[in-house]
């Protein structure tokens, strides 16, 4: 997929911010679960 693809950007943001997401995973998990 091209880097300009919104879905790809979301995936990259999630992968690159995974460590931060884990820190707030408890709060975010409640919303996404």
Protein backbone atom coordinates (compact mmCIF):
# COMPACT_ATOMS: atom_id res chain seq x y z
CA UNK A 1 0.00 0.00 0.00
CA UNK A 2 1.18 3.56 -0.66
CA UNK A 3 2.39 5.49 2.35
CA UNK A 4 -0.36 8.05 1.64
CA UNK A 5 -3.04 5.44 2.31
CA UNK A 6 -4.93 6.49 5.49
CA UNK A 7 -5.18 2.89 6.65
CA UNK A 8 -1.42 2.45 6.24
CA UNK A 9 -0.76 5.65 8.18
CA UNK A 10 -3.01 4.40 10.96
CA UNK A 11 -1.17 1.07 11.02
CA UNK A 12 2.22 2.80 11.13
CA UNK A 13 1.04 5.14 13.87
CA UNK A 14 -0.18 2.15 15.89
CA UNK A 15 3.05 0.20 15.35
CA UNK A 16 5.33 3.14 16.11
CA UNK A 17 3.25 4.23 19.09
CA UNK A 18 2.74 0.68 20.36
CA UNK A 19 4.97 1.22 23.38
CA UNK A 20 3.00 4.32 24.34
CA UNK A 21 -0.27 2.52 23.61
CA UNK A 22 0.80 -0.22 26.03
CA UNK A 23 1.34 2.38 28.74
CA UNK A 24 -2.19 3.67 28.26
CA UNK A 25 -3.50 0.28 27.11
CA UNK A 26 -5.68 -0.05 30.19
CA UNK A 27 -7.65 3.08 29.29
CA UNK A 28 -7.55 2.61 25.51
CA UNK A 29 -8.41 -1.08 25.80
CA UNK A 30 -11.66 -0.20 27.55
CA UNK A 31 -12.65 1.88 24.53
CA UNK A 32 -11.50 -0.50 21.78
CA UNK A 33 -12.47 -3.78 23.46
